[in-house]
Amino acid sequence: MARKISAPSLFQLGYYWEAKIFLTSVKLDLYTPLAKGPKTAKNLAGLIEADTDALTRLLDALVSIGLLRREGDAYANIPELAEFLAKTSRFYMGELMLLQDAEWDHWGKLEDIIKTGKPTVQDNIFMNTPELGATVSKVLHRMAKRVAPALAEKIDLSDYKTLIDVGGGGGAFTIAFCQRYPHIKASLFDLPQTLKVAQENIAQAQLNHRIELIEGNFNTGPLPGTYDVVFASDILHYQTEAENAALVKRLYDATEPGGFIIIKDMFIDDDENEPGWNAVFSIHMMVYSEKGRCFQGKKIRDWMTQAGFDNIVEIEKNTILAGTKGV
């Protein structure tokens, strides 16, 4: 369902205020020192080297937004939010927020992009700034770790022996599949700078003997061999329709007869009257990448059918499609 906008919230929606206040709080790293317990504005100002009066106003605004609590003169984290905002948490996601702050100027060009239909950047973050791309990959890995085990439980791979994770990033899904199915041997295929992140995660999971890292670009030729299971996660929204149709054909060619494909991405709902939040994410892709966008699920199903896959089913709404390759 689309969000309901009232007249008062219309004005709030039109302001950048809350977004910049939040991003500034992440940039100043207010949530990490508060993870040790409530602190006064004066104490916190000393820790982050800020002006006490200005910081107090920022903290009160964060309380108003709902990102912090105030207890007398002290300010405190909200635990369920601090899990993502304190650097001491294993699920820290602050780097993604810092990426949004870095995109501030790009979003200011949205009007020009809409008028001209032309991107204001080339390629995307992973191509343009490999170091930042590697940092984002680490965050995406932490996010994936929260959902990958559940997906591995949901999809039965008991009858399959080999798997390739195409564009596998930090390796969260490859690791989860291998942990759930000890008989599976896996390959993770991605760009060299991303494989460095994956290598650390795979070593930590003690799965080096079962997961092979293969360097390459999935758009520049056939994939390295054929596999019982082909898994592709969150790569379609970086590419054009033509590139994706060609990629899905390569995925088909890399699937063994009788094998299984799983495509995970951010699909716009097939109901054009209720496109879902991924329609907003598609604008994000238009702002900070040269050709990224989200596609309707029915478009991805068309690519899969044209490539030759059968028995296409939706595992999770607007997120995961799966299919088989005939024997």
Protein backbone atom coordinates (compact mmCIF):
# COMPACT_ATOMS: atom_id res chain seq x y z
CA MET A 1 0.00 0.00 0.00
CA ALA A 2 1.19 3.51 -0.80
CA ARG A 3 1.89 5.71 2.21
CA LYS A 4 -0.94 8.11 3.10
CA ILE A 5 0.14 11.76 3.07
CA SER A 6 -1.80 14.32 5.07
CA ALA A 7 -1.66 18.08 4.51
CA PRO A 8 0.63 18.67 7.56
CA SER A 9 2.96 15.82 6.58
CA LEU A 10 3.14 17.25 3.05
CA PHE A 11 5.16 20.18 4.34
CA GLN A 12 7.39 17.93 6.42
CA LEU A 13 8.01 15.76 3.38
CA GLY A 14 9.13 18.82 1.43
CA TYR A 15 11.85 19.72 3.92
CA TYR A 16 15.37 18.31 3.93
CA TRP A 17 15.64 19.10 7.62
CA GLU A 18 15.15 15.73 9.25
CA ALA A 19 17.26 13.87 6.70
CA LYS A 20 20.23 16.22 7.16
CA ILE A 21 19.86 16.22 10.95
CA PHE A 22 19.94 12.42 10.96
CA LEU A 23 22.88 12.16 8.53
CA THR A 24 24.80 14.73 10.57
CA SER A 25 24.24 12.71 13.74
CA VAL A 26 25.72 9.65 12.02
CA LYS A 27 28.63 11.65 10.64
CA LEU A 28 29.37 12.96 14.14
CA ASP A 29 29.02 9.37 15.44
CA LEU A 30 26.78 10.34 18.37
CA TYR A 31 25.40 6.83 18.85
CA THR A 32 28.66 4.99 19.64
CA PRO A 33 29.53 6.85 22.89
CA LEU A 34 25.86 6.65 23.94
CA ALA A 35 26.05 2.86 23.56
CA LYS A 36 27.93 2.86 26.90
CA GLY A 37 25.04 4.67 28.61
CA PRO A 38 23.18 8.01 28.75
CA LYS A 39 25.25 11.19 28.65
CA THR A 40 24.63 14.89 29.05
CA ALA A 41 25.11 17.21 26.12
CA LYS A 42 28.19 18.65 27.84
CA ASN A 43 29.79 15.22 28.29
CA LEU A 44 28.98 14.23 24.74
CA ALA A 45 30.28 17.53 23.36
CA GLY A 46 33.62 16.87 25.06
CA LEU A 47 33.84 13.40 23.54
CA ILE A 48 33.14 14.49 19.96
CA GLU A 49 34.71 17.97 20.21
CA ALA A 50 31.52 19.94 19.54
CA ASP A 51 29.93 23.16 20.82
CA THR A 52 27.68 22.26 23.77
CA ASP A 53 24.83 24.64 22.93
CA ALA A 54 24.71 23.72 19.24
CA LEU A 55 24.93 20.01 20.10
CA THR A 56 22.11 20.33 22.63
CA ARG A 57 19.84 21.71 19.95
CA LEU A 58 20.80 18.86 17.62
CA LEU A 59 20.19 16.26 20.34
CA ASP A 60 16.77 17.73 21.14
CA ALA A 61 15.88 17.60 17.47
CA LEU A 62 16.93 13.91 17.38
CA VAL A 63 14.69 13.28 20.40
CA SER A 64 11.81 14.96 18.57
CA ILE A 65 12.38 12.86 15.46
CA GLY A 66 12.49 9.69 17.58
CA LEU A 67 16.14 8.74 17.17
CA LEU A 68 17.15 9.36 20.80
CA ARG A 69 15.50 9.53 24.24
CA ARG A 70 16.00 12.28 26.80
CA GLU A 71 16.16 11.36 30.48
CA GLY A 72 16.43 14.58 32.47
CA ASP A 73 19.70 16.21 31.41
CA ALA A 74 20.98 13.06 29.75
CA TYR A 75 20.42 11.63 26.28
CA ALA A 76 20.17 7.92 25.54
CA ASN A 77 20.13 5.58 22.57
CA ILE A 78 17.03 3.68 21.51
CA PRO A 79 18.38 0.09 21.56
CA GLU A 80 16.64 -1.20 18.45
CA LEU A 81 18.02 1.75 16.45
CA ALA A 82 21.47 1.78 18.07
CA GLU A 83 21.93 -1.78 16.81
CA PHE A 84 22.45 -0.21 13.37
CA LEU A 85 23.96 3.15 14.39
CA ALA A 86 26.58 2.37 17.05
CA LYS A 87 29.95 1.31 15.67
CA THR A 88 30.30 -1.22 18.49
CA SER A 89 27.35 -3.21 17.08
CA ARG A 90 28.06 -6.09 14.70
CA PHE A 91 25.16 -4.84 12.57
CA TYR A 92 26.44 -1.25 12.26
CA MET A 93 25.10 0.35 9.06
CA GLY A 94 26.42 3.87 9.45
CA GLU A 95 28.58 3.64 6.33
CA LEU A 96 25.43 3.48 4.20
CA MET A 97 24.18 6.66 5.85
CA LEU A 98 27.54 8.32 5.17
CA LEU A 99 27.15 7.29 1.54
CA GLN A 100 23.81 9.11 1.49
CA ASP A 101 25.48 12.21 2.89
CA ALA A 102 28.12 11.99 0.16
CA GLU A 103 25.29 11.88 -2.38
CA TRP A 104 23.82 15.16 -1.12
CA ASP A 105 25.02 17.11 -4.17
CA HIS A 106 23.91 14.39 -6.58
CA TRP A 107 20.32 14.54 -5.29
CA GLY A 108 20.38 18.28 -5.89
CA LYS A 109 20.64 17.50 -9.61
CA LEU A 110 17.48 15.37 -9.76
CA GLU A 111 15.51 18.04 -11.61
CA ASP A 112 18.14 18.16 -14.36
CA ILE A 113 18.15 14.37 -14.64
CA ILE A 114 14.35 14.28 -14.97
CA LYS A 115 14.33 17.03 -17.60
CA THR A 116 17.17 15.67 -19.73
CA GLY A 117 16.91 11.93 -19.05
CA LYS A 118 20.69 11.92 -18.83
CA PRO A 119 22.76 10.72 -15.85
CA THR A 120 25.05 13.12 -14.01
CA VAL A 121 27.52 10.38 -13.01
CA GLN A 122 29.38 7.66 -14.88
CA ASP A 123 29.25 3.97 -13.94
CA ASN A 124 28.52 3.57 -10.21
CA ILE A 125 30.19 3.68 -6.83
CA PHE A 126 31.79 0.24 -7.16
CA MET A 127 33.47 1.22 -10.44
CA ASN A 128 34.28 4.86 -9.64
CA THR A 129 35.59 4.56 -6.09
CA PRO A 130 36.68 1.00 -5.33
CA GLU A 131 37.64 1.84 -1.73
CA LEU A 132 34.21 3.26 -0.96
CA GLY A 133 32.64 0.41 -2.89
CA ALA A 134 34.50 -2.08 -0.69
CA THR A 135 33.22 -0.27 2.41
CA VAL A 136 29.66 -0.42 1.11
CA SER A 137 30.14 -4.11 0.33
CA LYS A 138 31.05 -4.68 3.98
CA VAL A 139 27.84 -2.98 5.10
CA LEU A 140 25.73 -4.87 2.60
CA HIS A 141 27.34 -8.05 3.89
CA ARG A 142 26.29 -7.23 7.45
CA MET A 143 22.76 -6.55 6.22
CA ALA A 144 22.72 -9.77 4.20
CA LYS A 145 23.87 -11.78 7.22
CA ARG A 146 20.57 -10.98 8.90
CA VAL A 147 18.46 -12.48 6.11
CA ALA A 148 20.69 -15.04 4.38
CA PRO A 149 20.19 -17.89 6.89
CA ALA A 150 16.39 -17.60 6.60
CA LEU A 151 16.62 -17.75 2.79
CA ALA A 152 18.87 -20.81 2.99
CA GLU A 153 16.23 -22.47 5.17
CA LYS A 154 13.39 -21.48 2.86
CA ILE A 155 14.92 -22.81 -0.37
CA ASP A 156 15.58 -26.56 -0.41
CA LEU A 157 18.94 -27.32 -2.05
CA SER A 158 19.25 -30.85 -0.68
CA ASP A 159 19.43 -32.43 -4.15
CA TYR A 160 22.09 -30.10 -5.54
CA LYS A 161 25.87 -30.35 -5.20
CA THR A 162 27.38 -27.21 -6.75
CA LEU A 163 26.47 -23.51 -6.55
CA ILE A 164 27.79 -20.27 -8.02
CA ASP A 165 26.99 -16.91 -6.45
CA VAL A 166 27.23 -14.39 -9.32
CA GLY A 167 28.16 -10.92 -8.09
CA GLY A 168 28.27 -12.44 -4.61
CA GLY A 169 29.65 -9.39 -2.81
CA GLY A 170 30.80 -10.13 0.74
CA GLY A 171 29.64 -13.74 0.48
CA ALA A 172 26.84 -13.74 3.07
CA PHE A 173 24.49 -15.84 0.95
CA THR A 174 27.20 -18.24 -0.25
CA ILE A 175 28.24 -18.78 3.37
CA ALA A 176 24.64 -19.29 4.51
CA PHE A 177 23.91 -21.85 1.77
CA CYS A 178 27.12 -23.76 2.57
CA GLN A 179 26.40 -23.73 6.30
CA ARG A 180 22.86 -24.98 5.73
CA TYR A 181 23.90 -27.62 3.17
CA PRO A 182 27.28 -29.14 4.13
CA HIS A 183 27.43 -31.22 0.94
CA ILE A 184 27.44 -28.18 -1.39
CA LYS A 185 30.63 -26.85 -3.01
CA ALA A 186 30.33 -23.19 -4.02
CA SER A 187 32.01 -20.56 -6.17
CA LEU A 188 31.73 -16.81 -5.64
CA PHE A 189 32.19 -14.73 -8.79
CA ASP A 190 32.82 -10.98 -8.53
CA LEU A 191 35.16 -8.05 -9.16
CA PRO A 192 38.65 -8.28 -7.61
CA GLN A 193 38.17 -5.49 -5.04
CA THR A 194 34.96 -7.12 -3.83
CA LEU A 195 36.57 -10.55 -3.55
CA LYS A 196 38.99 -9.13 -0.97
CA VAL A 197 36.03 -8.49 1.32
CA ALA A 198 34.52 -11.90 0.58
CA GLN A 199 37.83 -13.65 1.29
CA GLU A 200 37.93 -12.24 4.84
CA ASN A 201 34.34 -13.28 5.54
CA ILE A 202 34.77 -16.77 4.15
CA ALA A 203 37.95 -17.30 6.17
CA GLN A 204 36.14 -16.14 9.31
CA ALA A 205 33.39 -18.66 8.60
CA GLN A 206 36.08 -21.36 8.09
CA LEU A 207 34.72 -22.26 4.65
CA ASN A 208 37.80 -21.71 2.47
CA HIS A 209 37.83 -25.42 1.59
CA ARG A 210 34.30 -25.28 0.20
CA ILE A 211 34.01 -21.82 -1.40
CA GLU A 212 36.17 -20.91 -4.38
CA LEU A 213 36.68 -17.25 -5.28
CA ILE A 214 36.67 -16.48 -9.00
CA GLU A 215 37.58 -13.03 -10.33
CA GLY A 216 35.66 -11.64 -13.26
CA ASN A 217 32.96 -9.44 -14.74
CA PHE A 218 29.61 -11.13 -15.36
CA ASN A 219 28.90 -8.83 -18.32
CA THR A 220 32.00 -9.60 -20.37
CA GLY A 221 31.63 -13.23 -21.32
CA PRO A 222 30.47 -16.66 -20.19
CA LEU A 223 30.56 -17.61 -16.53
CA PRO A 224 33.30 -20.03 -15.40
CA GLY A 225 31.63 -23.42 -15.84
CA THR A 226 28.21 -24.90 -15.12
CA TYR A 227 26.56 -25.41 -11.75
CA ASP A 228 23.54 -27.12 -10.21
CA VAL A 229 22.44 -23.85 -8.57
CA VAL A 230 23.00 -20.34 -9.93
CA PHE A 231 22.34 -17.52 -7.47
CA ALA A 232 22.38 -13.82 -8.45
CA SER A 233 21.69 -11.20 -5.81
CA ASP A 234 21.07 -7.46 -6.18
CA ILE A 235 22.89 -6.91 -9.47
CA LEU A 236 20.04 -6.34 -11.92
CA HIS A 237 19.23 -2.87 -10.58
CA TYR A 238 22.69 -1.61 -11.62
CA GLN A 239 22.13 -2.42 -15.29
CA THR A 240 20.09 -1.73 -18.41
CA GLU A 241 17.30 -3.94 -19.68
CA ALA A 242 19.47 -5.23 -22.55
CA GLU A 243 22.38 -6.03 -20.22
CA ASN A 244 20.11 -7.89 -17.85
CA ALA A 245 18.43 -9.93 -20.57
CA ALA A 246 21.90 -10.95 -21.81
CA LEU A 247 23.05 -11.69 -18.26
CA VAL A 248 20.07 -13.94 -17.52
CA LYS A 249 20.93 -15.86 -20.71
CA ARG A 250 24.49 -16.30 -19.39
CA LEU A 251 23.03 -17.52 -16.09
CA TYR A 252 20.98 -20.05 -18.06
CA ASP A 253 24.10 -21.25 -19.89
CA ALA A 254 25.87 -21.62 -16.52
CA THR A 255 23.05 -23.77 -15.11
CA GLU A 256 23.33 -27.55 -15.38
CA PRO A 257 20.35 -29.36 -17.01
CA GLY A 258 17.90 -30.02 -14.21
CA GLY A 259 19.49 -27.17 -12.27
CA PHE A 260 17.98 -24.29 -10.33
CA ILE A 261 18.28 -20.48 -10.59
CA ILE A 262 17.56 -17.98 -7.82
CA ILE A 263 17.38 -14.26 -8.63
CA LYS A 264 17.18 -11.82 -5.71
CA ASP A 265 16.69 -8.11 -6.36
CA MET A 266 14.39 -5.16 -5.70
CA PHE A 267 11.42 -5.53 -8.04
CA ILE A 268 8.77 -2.90 -8.67
CA ASP A 269 5.35 -4.42 -8.05
CA ASP A 270 3.51 -5.69 -11.12
CA ASP A 271 0.46 -3.72 -9.94
CA GLU A 272 1.16 -0.35 -11.55
CA ASN A 273 -1.30 1.34 -9.20
CA GLU A 274 0.77 0.20 -6.18
CA PRO A 275 4.41 0.08 -7.36
CA GLY A 276 5.83 -0.21 -3.84
CA TRP A 277 8.83 1.41 -2.17
CA ASN A 278 11.24 0.01 -4.74
CA ALA A 279 9.96 2.71 -7.09
CA VAL A 280 11.65 5.20 -4.75
CA PHE A 281 14.83 3.10 -4.70
CA SER A 282 14.79 3.24 -8.50
CA ILE A 283 15.14 7.05 -8.27
CA HIS A 284 18.12 6.57 -5.97
CA MET A 285 19.71 4.39 -8.66
CA MET A 286 19.00 7.06 -11.28
CA VAL A 287 20.71 9.70 -9.14
CA TYR A 288 23.91 7.92 -8.24
CA SER A 289 24.52 5.51 -11.10
CA GLU A 290 24.76 5.90 -14.86
CA LYS A 291 22.16 3.30 -15.84
CA GLY A 292 20.72 1.72 -12.70
CA ARG A 293 16.99 1.25 -12.15
CA CYS A 294 14.50 -1.21 -10.68
CA PHE A 295 12.36 -3.40 -12.93
CA GLN A 296 8.95 -4.98 -12.49
CA GLY A 297 8.93 -8.63 -11.48
CA LYS A 298 7.15 -9.55 -14.69
CA LYS A 299 10.06 -8.11 -16.69
CA ILE A 300 12.54 -10.37 -14.87
CA ARG A 301 10.22 -13.35 -15.43
CA ASP A 302 10.18 -12.50 -19.15
CA TRP A 303 13.99 -12.54 -19.26
CA MET A 304 14.02 -15.89 -17.46
CA THR A 305 11.43 -17.38 -19.83
CA GLN A 306 13.22 -16.07 -22.92
CA ALA A 307 16.48 -17.55 -21.66
CA GLY A 308 14.81 -20.96 -21.33
CA PHE A 309 13.99 -21.32 -17.62
CA ASP A 310 10.80 -23.13 -16.60
CA ASN A 311 8.64 -23.40 -13.47
CA ILE A 312 9.29 -19.78 -12.48
CA VAL A 313 7.94 -18.98 -9.01
CA GLU A 314 8.07 -16.01 -6.66
CA ILE A 315 9.75 -17.06 -3.40
CA GLU A 316 9.42 -13.66 -1.72
CA LYS A 317 7.18 -10.88 -3.03
CA ASN A 318 9.06 -8.34 -5.13
CA THR A 319 12.35 -9.80 -3.95
CA ILE A 320 13.12 -13.37 -5.06
CA LEU A 321 12.26 -15.35 -8.20
CA ALA A 322 13.37 -18.92 -8.86
CA GLY A 323 13.17 -21.27 -11.83
CA THR A 324 14.53 -24.51 -13.25
CA LYS A 325 16.40 -25.58 -16.36
CA GLY A 326 14.97 -28.56 -18.21
CA VAL A 327 16.91 -31.80 -18.40
